[in-house]
N, C-alpha and C. Protein backbone atom coordinates (compact mmCIF):
# COMPACT_ATOMS: atom_id res chain seq x y z
N MET A 1 -76.84 -39.34 -33.04
CA MET A 1 -77.23 -38.80 -31.85
C MET A 1 -76.62 -37.31 -31.64
N VAL A 2 -76.88 -37.07 -31.54
CA VAL A 2 -76.43 -34.98 -30.80
C VAL A 2 -75.97 -35.45 -29.33
N THR A 3 -74.14 -35.36 -28.79
CA THR A 3 -73.80 -35.15 -27.83
C THR A 3 -74.20 -33.97 -27.21
N ALA A 4 -73.90 -34.33 -25.76
CA ALA A 4 -74.34 -32.87 -25.00
C ALA A 4 -73.52 -31.78 -25.50
N ILE A 5 -72.20 -31.75 -25.80
CA ILE A 5 -71.17 -30.76 -26.31
C ILE A 5 -72.17 -30.30 -27.38
N GLU A 6 -72.23 -31.16 -28.36
CA GLU A 6 -72.82 -30.73 -30.05
C GLU A 6 -74.15 -29.92 -29.49
N LYS A 7 -74.85 -30.36 -28.60
CA LYS A 7 -76.07 -29.50 -28.38
C LYS A 7 -75.98 -27.72 -27.89
N GLU A 8 -74.67 -27.70 -26.85
CA GLU A 8 -74.34 -26.37 -26.12
C GLU A 8 -74.23 -25.89 -27.18
N ILE A 9 -72.84 -26.32 -27.98
CA ILE A 9 -72.60 -25.71 -28.98
C ILE A 9 -73.55 -24.72 -30.23
N VAL A 10 -74.54 -25.88 -30.63
CA VAL A 10 -75.84 -25.42 -31.24
C VAL A 10 -76.35 -24.26 -30.82
N ASP A 11 -76.86 -24.42 -29.47
CA ASP A 11 -77.49 -23.05 -28.69
C ASP A 11 -76.85 -22.32 -28.40
N LEU A 12 -75.37 -22.25 -28.31
CA LEU A 12 -74.54 -21.12 -28.29
C LEU A 12 -74.64 -20.34 -29.73
N LEU A 13 -74.07 -21.27 -30.18
CA LEU A 13 -74.14 -20.36 -32.37
C LEU A 13 -75.67 -20.02 -32.33
N GLN A 14 -76.70 -20.45 -32.41
CA GLN A 14 -77.80 -19.64 -32.54
C GLN A 14 -78.01 -18.30 -31.82
N ASN A 15 -77.83 -18.57 -30.31
CA ASN A 15 -77.85 -17.27 -29.56
C ASN A 15 -76.79 -16.20 -30.01
N GLY A 16 -75.74 -16.45 -30.52
CA GLY A 16 -74.70 -15.84 -31.35
C GLY A 16 -73.86 -15.45 -29.43
N ASP A 17 -73.95 -16.32 -28.86
CA ASP A 17 -72.44 -16.39 -27.96
C ASP A 17 -71.11 -16.69 -28.54
N LYS A 18 -70.35 -15.63 -27.82
CA LYS A 18 -69.19 -15.88 -28.67
C LYS A 18 -68.21 -17.56 -28.23
N LYS A 19 -68.69 -17.78 -27.07
CA LYS A 19 -68.20 -18.48 -26.42
C LYS A 19 -68.24 -19.84 -27.60
N ALA A 20 -69.30 -20.01 -28.18
CA ALA A 20 -69.05 -20.72 -28.84
C ALA A 20 -68.12 -21.35 -29.78
N ILE A 21 -67.57 -20.17 -30.56
CA ILE A 21 -66.50 -20.53 -31.25
C ILE A 21 -64.91 -21.01 -30.41
N SER A 22 -64.87 -20.57 -29.21
CA SER A 22 -63.73 -21.41 -28.71
C SER A 22 -64.32 -22.99 -28.42
N LEU A 23 -65.67 -23.25 -27.87
CA LEU A 23 -65.68 -24.58 -27.89
C LEU A 23 -65.64 -25.47 -29.41
N LEU A 24 -65.97 -24.50 -30.55
CA LEU A 24 -65.88 -25.23 -31.88
C LEU A 24 -64.20 -25.62 -31.89
N TYR A 25 -63.59 -24.47 -31.79
CA TYR A 25 -62.32 -24.46 -32.00
C TYR A 25 -61.68 -25.64 -30.89
N GLU A 26 -62.23 -25.99 -29.50
CA GLU A 26 -61.54 -26.94 -28.84
C GLU A 26 -61.75 -28.41 -29.81
N ASN A 27 -63.00 -28.02 -30.07
CA ASN A 27 -63.67 -29.94 -30.43
C ASN A 27 -63.34 -30.26 -31.89
N TYR A 28 -62.95 -28.75 -32.37
CA TYR A 28 -63.32 -29.12 -34.38
C TYR A 28 -62.38 -28.96 -35.12
N ALA A 29 -61.53 -27.94 -34.11
CA ALA A 29 -60.42 -27.72 -35.17
C ALA A 29 -59.91 -28.38 -35.73
N ASP A 30 -58.89 -28.75 -35.29
CA ASP A 30 -57.60 -30.39 -35.78
C ASP A 30 -58.61 -31.17 -36.52
N ALA A 31 -59.89 -31.42 -36.78
CA ALA A 31 -60.88 -32.36 -37.65
C ALA A 31 -60.59 -31.39 -38.92
N LEU A 32 -61.03 -29.96 -38.98
CA LEU A 32 -61.79 -29.22 -39.87
C LEU A 32 -60.27 -28.55 -40.66
N TYR A 33 -58.88 -28.57 -39.84
CA TYR A 33 -57.68 -28.61 -40.54
C TYR A 33 -56.80 -29.88 -41.14
N GLY A 34 -57.46 -31.35 -40.82
CA GLY A 34 -57.09 -32.25 -41.44
C GLY A 34 -58.11 -32.22 -43.03
N VAL A 35 -58.80 -32.23 -42.63
CA VAL A 35 -59.95 -31.75 -44.48
C VAL A 35 -59.76 -30.50 -44.79
N ILE A 36 -58.83 -29.81 -44.42
CA ILE A 36 -58.54 -28.66 -45.02
C ILE A 36 -56.82 -28.88 -45.74
N GLN A 37 -56.02 -29.84 -45.26
CA GLN A 37 -55.00 -30.13 -45.44
C GLN A 37 -55.08 -31.08 -46.77
N LYS A 38 -56.23 -31.77 -46.42
CA LYS A 38 -55.99 -32.72 -47.87
C LYS A 38 -56.58 -31.96 -49.00
N ILE A 39 -56.47 -30.98 -49.43
CA ILE A 39 -56.88 -29.69 -50.27
C ILE A 39 -55.57 -29.17 -50.50
N ILE A 40 -55.67 -28.25 -49.27
CA ILE A 40 -54.29 -27.02 -49.42
C ILE A 40 -52.88 -28.14 -48.71
N SER A 41 -51.65 -28.31 -49.87
CA SER A 41 -50.74 -28.29 -48.92
C SER A 41 -49.99 -27.69 -47.88
N ASP A 42 -49.57 -26.36 -48.62
CA ASP A 42 -49.60 -25.59 -47.92
C ASP A 42 -49.98 -25.06 -46.12
N GLU A 43 -48.96 -25.44 -45.51
CA GLU A 43 -48.99 -24.87 -43.96
C GLU A 43 -50.21 -23.52 -43.85
N ASP A 44 -49.34 -22.53 -43.87
CA ASP A 44 -50.20 -21.22 -43.97
C ASP A 44 -50.92 -20.95 -44.62
N THR A 45 -50.98 -21.30 -45.50
CA THR A 45 -52.47 -21.07 -46.84
C THR A 45 -53.59 -21.64 -45.85
N ALA A 46 -53.16 -23.37 -45.21
CA ALA A 46 -54.02 -24.24 -44.55
C ALA A 46 -54.83 -23.43 -43.13
N GLN A 47 -53.66 -23.01 -42.44
CA GLN A 47 -54.29 -22.08 -41.63
C GLN A 47 -54.80 -20.89 -41.68
N ASP A 48 -54.65 -19.96 -43.15
CA ASP A 48 -55.76 -18.82 -43.12
C ASP A 48 -57.03 -19.36 -43.00
N VAL A 49 -57.35 -20.55 -44.13
CA VAL A 49 -58.53 -21.08 -44.91
C VAL A 49 -59.19 -21.66 -43.21
N LEU A 50 -58.20 -22.22 -42.35
CA LEU A 50 -59.08 -23.05 -40.98
C LEU A 50 -59.83 -21.18 -40.27
N GLN A 51 -59.15 -20.03 -40.21
CA GLN A 51 -59.06 -19.34 -39.92
C GLN A 51 -60.87 -18.10 -40.40
N GLU A 52 -60.64 -18.26 -42.06
CA GLU A 52 -61.61 -17.99 -43.06
C GLU A 52 -63.29 -19.40 -42.52
N THR A 53 -62.82 -19.91 -42.61
CA THR A 53 -63.71 -21.10 -41.97
C THR A 53 -64.56 -20.69 -40.88
N PHE A 54 -63.42 -20.75 -39.82
CA PHE A 54 -64.12 -19.83 -38.16
C PHE A 54 -65.39 -18.69 -38.72
N VAL A 55 -64.58 -18.06 -39.53
CA VAL A 55 -65.30 -16.61 -39.74
C VAL A 55 -67.06 -16.60 -40.31
N LYS A 56 -66.52 -18.02 -41.15
CA LYS A 56 -67.72 -18.27 -41.91
C LYS A 56 -68.72 -18.88 -40.90
N ILE A 57 -68.16 -19.72 -40.26
CA ILE A 57 -69.27 -20.68 -39.43
C ILE A 57 -70.06 -18.97 -38.57
N TRP A 58 -69.40 -18.72 -37.99
CA TRP A 58 -69.60 -17.41 -37.00
C TRP A 58 -70.53 -16.56 -37.92
N ARG A 59 -69.78 -16.21 -39.08
CA ARG A 59 -70.99 -15.19 -40.13
C ARG A 59 -72.18 -16.37 -40.45
N TYR A 60 -72.50 -17.51 -40.55
CA TYR A 60 -73.29 -18.54 -40.62
C TYR A 60 -74.39 -18.96 -39.67
N ALA A 61 -73.54 -18.87 -38.29
CA ALA A 61 -74.54 -19.60 -37.03
C ALA A 61 -75.50 -19.76 -36.96
N LYS A 62 -76.95 -18.63 -37.79
CA LYS A 62 -78.28 -18.59 -37.73
C LYS A 62 -78.54 -19.59 -38.35
N LYS A 63 -77.77 -19.97 -39.39
CA LYS A 63 -78.53 -20.05 -40.58
C LYS A 63 -78.19 -22.17 -40.26
N TYR A 64 -77.43 -22.62 -39.56
CA TYR A 64 -77.57 -23.73 -38.99
C TYR A 64 -78.56 -24.67 -38.45
N ASP A 65 -79.44 -25.48 -39.28
CA ASP A 65 -80.30 -26.23 -38.82
C ASP A 65 -80.66 -27.70 -39.25
N ALA A 66 -80.18 -28.34 -37.46
CA ALA A 66 -79.59 -29.52 -36.99
C ALA A 66 -80.81 -30.87 -37.89
N ASN A 67 -81.94 -30.21 -38.50
CA ASN A 67 -82.63 -31.17 -38.80
C ASN A 67 -82.19 -31.09 -40.45
N LYS A 68 -81.33 -30.18 -40.92
CA LYS A 68 -80.65 -30.82 -42.62
C LYS A 68 -79.36 -31.44 -42.66
N ALA A 69 -78.44 -31.34 -41.39
CA ALA A 69 -77.47 -32.03 -41.36
C ALA A 69 -76.82 -31.81 -39.61
N LYS A 70 -76.03 -33.17 -39.68
CA LYS A 70 -75.19 -33.20 -38.53
C LYS A 70 -74.39 -31.51 -38.09
N LEU A 71 -73.89 -31.36 -36.77
CA LEU A 71 -72.96 -30.26 -36.72
C LEU A 71 -71.86 -30.63 -37.48
N PHE A 72 -70.89 -31.62 -37.21
CA PHE A 72 -70.10 -31.96 -37.78
C PHE A 72 -69.97 -32.22 -39.15
N THR A 73 -71.20 -32.46 -40.15
CA THR A 73 -71.48 -32.16 -41.61
C THR A 73 -71.51 -30.74 -41.86
N TRP A 74 -72.42 -29.55 -41.13
CA TRP A 74 -72.17 -28.25 -41.59
C TRP A 74 -71.13 -28.25 -41.50
N LEU A 75 -69.78 -28.39 -40.99
CA LEU A 75 -68.58 -27.73 -40.18
C LEU A 75 -67.51 -28.05 -41.58
N TYR A 76 -67.81 -29.23 -41.40
CA TYR A 76 -67.14 -30.08 -42.80
C TYR A 76 -67.20 -29.66 -44.11
N ARG A 77 -68.35 -29.29 -44.41
CA ARG A 77 -68.75 -28.27 -45.57
C ARG A 77 -68.32 -27.20 -45.97
N ILE A 78 -68.40 -27.00 -44.76
CA ILE A 78 -67.98 -25.02 -44.85
C ILE A 78 -66.26 -24.68 -45.08
N ALA A 79 -65.70 -25.99 -44.15
CA ALA A 79 -63.93 -25.76 -44.36
C ALA A 79 -63.83 -26.09 -45.61
N TYR A 80 -64.59 -27.48 -46.45
CA TYR A 80 -64.06 -28.15 -47.31
C TYR A 80 -64.06 -27.05 -48.48
N ASN A 81 -65.76 -25.91 -48.49
CA ASN A 81 -66.22 -25.32 -49.48
C ASN A 81 -64.86 -24.42 -49.45
N THR A 82 -64.90 -23.86 -48.40
CA THR A 82 -63.55 -23.03 -48.20
C THR A 82 -62.11 -22.53 -48.77
N ALA A 83 -62.01 -24.31 -48.65
CA ALA A 83 -60.44 -24.84 -48.89
C ALA A 83 -60.54 -24.50 -50.50
N ILE A 84 -61.98 -25.46 -51.02
CA ILE A 84 -62.22 -25.33 -52.62
C ILE A 84 -61.77 -24.18 -53.65
N ASP A 85 -62.37 -22.99 -52.46
CA ASP A 85 -62.16 -21.68 -52.92
C ASP A 85 -61.37 -21.15 -52.77
N LYS A 86 -60.32 -21.34 -52.22
CA LYS A 86 -58.90 -20.74 -51.61
C LYS A 86 -58.26 -21.22 -53.07
N VAL A 87 -58.46 -22.57 -53.46
CA VAL A 87 -57.27 -23.02 -54.56
C VAL A 87 -57.44 -22.41 -55.80
N ARG A 88 -59.12 -22.39 -55.83
CA ARG A 88 -59.88 -22.12 -56.81
C ARG A 88 -59.58 -20.41 -57.30
N SER A 89 -59.08 -19.47 -56.19
CA SER A 89 -58.92 -18.25 -56.40
C SER A 89 -56.92 -18.17 -56.45
N GLN A 90 -56.63 -18.85 -56.18
CA GLN A 90 -55.11 -18.90 -56.31
C GLN A 90 -54.33 -19.05 -57.88
N LYS A 91 -55.18 -20.15 -58.42
CA LYS A 91 -55.34 -20.68 -59.79
C LYS A 91 -56.02 -19.32 -60.44
N ASN A 92 -56.35 -19.29 -60.35
CA ASN A 92 -57.06 -17.40 -61.17
C ASN A 92 -56.14 -16.51 -60.85
N LYS A 93 -55.85 -16.37 -59.68
CA LYS A 93 -54.79 -15.16 -60.08
C LYS A 93 -53.44 -15.44 -60.58
N SER A 94 -52.90 -16.92 -60.45
CA SER A 94 -51.22 -17.14 -60.76
C SER A 94 -51.67 -17.32 -62.42
N GLY A 95 -52.98 -17.46 -62.94
CA GLY A 95 -52.86 -17.84 -64.76
C GLY A 95 -53.41 -16.76 -65.03
N LYS A 96 -53.28 -14.85 -64.55
CA LYS A 96 -53.76 -14.26 -65.62
C LYS A 96 -52.37 -13.09 -65.58
N GLU A 97 -51.65 -14.13 -66.07
CA GLU A 97 -50.49 -12.95 -66.52
C GLU A 97 -51.06 -12.36 -68.06
N VAL A 98 -50.87 -11.28 -67.93
CA VAL A 98 -51.12 -10.21 -69.08
C VAL A 98 -50.16 -10.62 -69.91
N GLN A 99 -50.51 -10.70 -71.58
CA GLN A 99 -49.70 -11.08 -72.34
C GLN A 99 -49.37 -9.73 -73.84
N ILE A 100 -48.78 -8.65 -73.50
CA ILE A 100 -49.27 -7.41 -73.86
C ILE A 100 -48.67 -7.74 -75.21
N GLU A 101 -47.69 -8.39 -75.96
CA GLU A 101 -47.52 -8.31 -77.37
C GLU A 101 -48.78 -9.17 -78.36
N THR A 102 -49.08 -9.97 -77.36
CA THR A 102 -50.13 -10.61 -78.28
C THR A 102 -51.56 -9.86 -77.73
N SER A 103 -52.04 -9.00 -77.35
CA SER A 103 -53.25 -8.06 -76.63
C SER A 103 -53.43 -7.33 -78.11
N ALA A 104 -54.55 -7.65 -78.03
CA ALA A 104 -55.40 -6.92 -79.52
C ALA A 104 -55.97 -5.64 -78.74
N VAL A 105 -55.40 -5.10 -77.16
CA VAL A 105 -56.29 -3.87 -76.60
C VAL A 105 -55.63 -2.76 -77.33
N TYR A 106 -54.42 -2.46 -77.91
CA TYR A 106 -53.69 -1.35 -78.29
C TYR A 106 -54.03 -1.22 -79.91
N LYS A 107 -54.76 -1.96 -80.24
CA LYS A 107 -55.16 -1.96 -81.65
C LYS A 107 -56.56 -1.73 -82.53
N ILE A 108 -56.98 -1.84 -81.14
CA ILE A 108 -58.38 -1.31 -81.36
C ILE A 108 -58.50 0.04 -81.62
N THR A 109 -59.55 0.03 -83.16
CA THR A 109 -59.80 1.73 -83.88
C THR A 109 -61.03 2.23 -83.25
N SER A 110 -61.81 3.62 -83.58
CA SER A 110 -62.42 4.17 -82.63
C SER A 110 -63.87 3.63 -83.55
N ASN A 111 -63.20 2.73 -84.85
CA ASN A 111 -64.52 2.07 -85.66
C ASN A 111 -65.09 1.00 -85.04
N GLU A 112 -64.55 0.41 -83.90
CA GLU A 112 -64.50 -0.33 -83.78
C GLU A 112 -65.03 -1.00 -82.23
N ILE A 113 -65.54 0.48 -81.50
CA ILE A 113 -65.97 0.60 -80.35
C ILE A 113 -67.32 0.97 -80.58
N ASN A 114 -68.22 0.24 -79.75
CA ASN A 114 -69.49 0.27 -80.33
C ASN A 114 -70.12 1.81 -79.46
N GLN A 115 -70.55 2.74 -79.85
CA GLN A 115 -70.39 3.86 -79.26
C GLN A 115 -71.49 3.48 -78.09
N ASP A 116 -72.96 2.66 -78.63
CA ASP A 116 -74.16 2.25 -77.92
C ASP A 116 -74.03 2.09 -76.23
N VAL A 117 -72.91 0.87 -76.64
CA VAL A 117 -72.15 0.43 -75.17
C VAL A 117 -71.83 1.46 -74.06
N MET A 118 -71.21 2.89 -74.25
CA MET A 118 -70.79 3.49 -73.60
C MET A 118 -70.98 4.19 -72.94
N ASP A 119 -72.44 4.49 -72.69
CA ASP A 119 -73.45 4.50 -71.90
C ASP A 119 -73.87 3.56 -70.45
N ILE A 120 -72.99 2.36 -70.04
CA ILE A 120 -73.67 1.50 -70.12
C ILE A 120 -74.34 1.57 -68.30
N LYS A 121 -73.00 2.78 -67.66
CA LYS A 121 -73.74 2.91 -66.03
C LYS A 121 -74.80 3.69 -66.20
N LYS A 122 -75.05 4.20 -67.27
CA LYS A 122 -76.36 5.09 -67.14
C LYS A 122 -77.53 3.78 -67.07
N HIS A 123 -77.78 2.97 -68.23
CA HIS A 123 -78.52 1.95 -68.40
C HIS A 123 -78.24 0.65 -67.25
N LEU A 124 -77.15 0.35 -66.33
CA LEU A 124 -76.98 0.14 -65.12
C LEU A 124 -78.66 0.42 -64.56
N SER A 125 -78.42 1.20 -64.51
CA SER A 125 -79.72 2.20 -63.35
C SER A 125 -81.31 2.03 -63.96
N THR A 126 -80.90 1.49 -64.81
CA THR A 126 -82.52 0.56 -65.36
C THR A 126 -82.79 -0.15 -65.26
N ILE A 127 -82.36 -1.44 -64.75
CA ILE A 127 -82.37 -2.85 -64.31
C ILE A 127 -82.50 -2.75 -62.48
N ASP A 128 -83.06 -3.87 -62.00
CA ASP A 128 -83.68 -4.20 -60.65
C ASP A 128 -82.01 -4.05 -60.08
N GLU A 129 -82.14 -3.28 -58.56
CA GLU A 129 -80.81 -2.29 -57.67
C GLU A 129 -80.08 -4.13 -57.66
N LYS A 130 -80.52 -5.31 -57.09
CA LYS A 130 -80.06 -6.54 -56.93
C LYS A 130 -79.33 -6.58 -57.74
N TYR A 131 -79.77 -6.57 -59.29
CA TYR A 131 -78.86 -6.95 -59.97
C TYR A 131 -77.42 -6.35 -59.93
N GLN A 132 -78.01 -4.41 -60.16
CA GLN A 132 -76.76 -3.74 -60.16
C GLN A 132 -75.68 -3.66 -59.60
N ILE A 133 -76.24 -4.49 -58.29
CA ILE A 133 -74.99 -4.06 -56.93
C ILE A 133 -73.73 -5.20 -57.37
N VAL A 134 -74.60 -6.50 -57.76
CA VAL A 134 -73.90 -7.07 -58.12
C VAL A 134 -72.69 -6.97 -59.93
N ILE A 135 -73.17 -6.24 -60.75
CA ILE A 135 -72.63 -6.32 -61.37
C ILE A 135 -71.96 -5.12 -60.94
N ASN A 136 -72.18 -4.04 -60.59
CA ASN A 136 -71.32 -3.10 -60.01
C ASN A 136 -70.01 -3.92 -59.82
N ALA A 137 -70.26 -4.60 -58.35
CA ALA A 137 -68.88 -5.05 -57.96
C ALA A 137 -68.18 -5.99 -59.02
N LEU A 138 -68.74 -7.27 -59.54
CA LEU A 138 -68.03 -7.54 -60.49
C LEU A 138 -67.28 -6.87 -61.78
N PHE A 139 -67.60 -5.98 -62.07
CA PHE A 139 -67.24 -5.47 -63.23
C PHE A 139 -66.05 -3.77 -63.22
N PHE A 140 -66.89 -3.24 -62.19
CA PHE A 140 -66.69 -1.98 -61.61
C PHE A 140 -65.50 -1.66 -60.41
N GLU A 141 -65.70 -2.60 -59.68
CA GLU A 141 -65.05 -2.68 -58.48
C GLU A 141 -64.14 -3.88 -58.78
N GLY A 142 -64.11 -4.32 -59.77
CA GLY A 142 -62.93 -5.46 -60.07
C GLY A 142 -63.11 -6.52 -58.93
N MET A 143 -64.31 -7.28 -58.49
CA MET A 143 -64.19 -7.79 -57.13
C MET A 143 -64.51 -9.40 -57.90
N THR A 144 -64.17 -10.44 -57.69
CA THR A 144 -64.24 -11.71 -58.10
C THR A 144 -65.52 -12.21 -57.85
N GLN A 145 -66.49 -13.23 -58.07
CA GLN A 145 -67.86 -13.91 -57.32
C GLN A 145 -67.97 -14.33 -55.53
N GLN A 146 -66.28 -14.87 -55.58
CA GLN A 146 -66.26 -15.22 -54.55
C GLN A 146 -66.32 -13.76 -53.20
N GLU A 147 -65.20 -12.91 -53.78
CA GLU A 147 -65.19 -11.60 -52.96
C GLU A 147 -66.28 -10.93 -52.86
N ALA A 148 -66.92 -10.39 -54.05
CA ALA A 148 -68.49 -9.99 -53.43
C ALA A 148 -69.63 -10.78 -53.27
N SER A 149 -69.63 -11.73 -52.70
CA SER A 149 -70.51 -12.89 -52.08
C SER A 149 -69.93 -12.52 -50.67
N ASP A 150 -68.48 -12.53 -50.26
CA ASP A 150 -67.70 -12.64 -48.98
C ASP A 150 -68.63 -10.64 -48.77
N GLU A 151 -68.31 -10.22 -49.75
CA GLU A 151 -68.26 -8.21 -49.35
C GLU A 151 -69.90 -8.07 -48.96
N LEU A 152 -70.53 -8.58 -50.29
CA LEU A 152 -72.02 -8.22 -50.37
C LEU A 152 -73.14 -9.41 -49.07
N ASP A 153 -72.45 -10.07 -48.83
CA ASP A 153 -73.06 -11.01 -47.59
C ASP A 153 -74.32 -11.70 -48.54
N ILE A 154 -73.72 -12.17 -49.24
CA ILE A 154 -74.59 -12.88 -50.81
C ILE A 154 -74.06 -14.12 -50.94
N PRO A 155 -74.74 -15.10 -50.66
CA PRO A 155 -74.43 -16.58 -50.96
C PRO A 155 -74.07 -16.55 -51.96
N LEU A 156 -72.58 -17.15 -52.66
CA LEU A 156 -72.38 -17.21 -54.17
C LEU A 156 -73.20 -17.31 -55.22
N GLY A 157 -74.30 -18.43 -54.82
CA GLY A 157 -75.06 -18.85 -56.23
C GLY A 157 -75.64 -18.00 -56.44
N THR A 158 -75.53 -16.83 -55.22
CA THR A 158 -77.14 -15.99 -55.67
C THR A 158 -76.60 -14.81 -56.69
N ILE A 159 -75.16 -14.92 -56.18
CA ILE A 159 -74.10 -13.94 -56.72
C ILE A 159 -74.34 -14.48 -58.49
N LYS A 160 -74.27 -15.80 -58.72
CA LYS A 160 -73.97 -15.95 -59.88
C LYS A 160 -75.42 -16.17 -60.39
N SER A 161 -76.64 -15.86 -60.13
CA SER A 161 -77.85 -16.30 -60.40
C SER A 161 -77.84 -14.55 -60.87
N ARG A 162 -77.88 -13.87 -60.11
CA ARG A 162 -78.21 -12.07 -60.04
C ARG A 162 -76.86 -11.52 -61.42
N LEU A 163 -76.26 -12.62 -61.45
CA LEU A 163 -74.75 -11.87 -62.60
C LEU A 163 -76.06 -12.40 -63.84
N LYS A 164 -76.60 -13.68 -63.38
CA LYS A 164 -76.45 -14.14 -65.36
C LYS A 164 -77.82 -12.82 -65.82
N ILE A 165 -79.16 -13.20 -64.32
CA ILE A 165 -79.93 -12.63 -64.82
C ILE A 165 -79.85 -10.51 -65.44
N GLY A 166 -78.57 -10.22 -64.71
CA GLY A 166 -78.58 -8.91 -65.00
C GLY A 166 -78.15 -8.81 -66.01
N LEU A 167 -77.10 -9.53 -66.16
CA LEU A 167 -76.54 -9.35 -67.83
C LEU A 167 -77.34 -9.95 -69.02
N ARG A 168 -78.16 -10.45 -68.75
CA ARG A 168 -79.79 -10.58 -69.12
C ARG A 168 -80.53 -9.49 -69.83
N GLU A 169 -80.69 -9.35 -68.36
CA GLU A 169 -81.69 -7.63 -68.47
C GLU A 169 -80.47 -6.41 -69.82
N LEU A 170 -79.61 -6.24 -69.20
CA LEU A 170 -78.89 -5.23 -70.00
C LEU A 170 -78.54 -5.74 -71.68
N LYS A 171 -78.67 -7.30 -71.63
CA LYS A 171 -78.90 -7.58 -73.22
C LYS A 171 -79.52 -6.99 -73.96
N LYS A 172 -81.10 -7.03 -73.03
CA LYS A 172 -82.34 -6.95 -73.68
C LYS A 172 -82.42 -5.14 -74.22
N ILE A 173 -81.89 -4.79 -73.04
CA ILE A 173 -81.45 -2.95 -73.81
C ILE A 173 -80.67 -2.24 -74.20
N TYR A 174 -79.51 -3.39 -74.63
CA TYR A 174 -78.38 -2.76 -75.77
C TYR A 174 -79.01 -3.37 -77.11
N ASN A 175 -79.54 -4.87 -76.78
CA ASN A 175 -80.25 -5.54 -78.41
C ASN A 175 -81.74 -6.25 -78.14
N PRO A 176 -82.72 -5.05 -78.42
CA PRO A 176 -83.86 -5.50 -78.01
C PRO A 176 -84.54 -6.24 -78.98
N SER A 177 -83.77 -6.90 -80.09
CA SER A 177 -84.71 -7.87 -80.91
C SER A 177 -84.68 -8.90 -80.62
N ILE A 178 -83.87 -9.38 -79.53
CA ILE A 178 -83.27 -10.85 -79.08
C ILE A 178 -84.26 -11.11 -78.22
């Protein structure tokens, strides 16, 4: 059963009315913060994730479909996924210390470099633009998949699919016998 306030919030969201955010915050911030705190114990980080959650809610407001999920369920999923993404992002950043003494980077000889792949940017321009954009963001601009998703306003699953397909297309260029 949809309450009057839910209906009002949904209508405001669908119409891009900024009043929806204040109503959402008044009615759902505590519950969403509780969801986030179950995943993230650090209070400052949890508050940041709550803010990111409301930004995503606003960004994807027109995609909400009351026939697919209740408003709170939709909000819950956004908060939960944003918190999980933050935890994964923090794990990735903290777990990537460079071990120079064990690195093989300085031991590569010119005979080991495949000269055929030195022109990757040229070959990148031969594949479909939607794959180029994703590969460029991830490999040449150093974005994570989540950052590319946010920056390019493309769903994370689509980023992953386009990366996979784009790399497969590049592989065909560099290794046509496959």
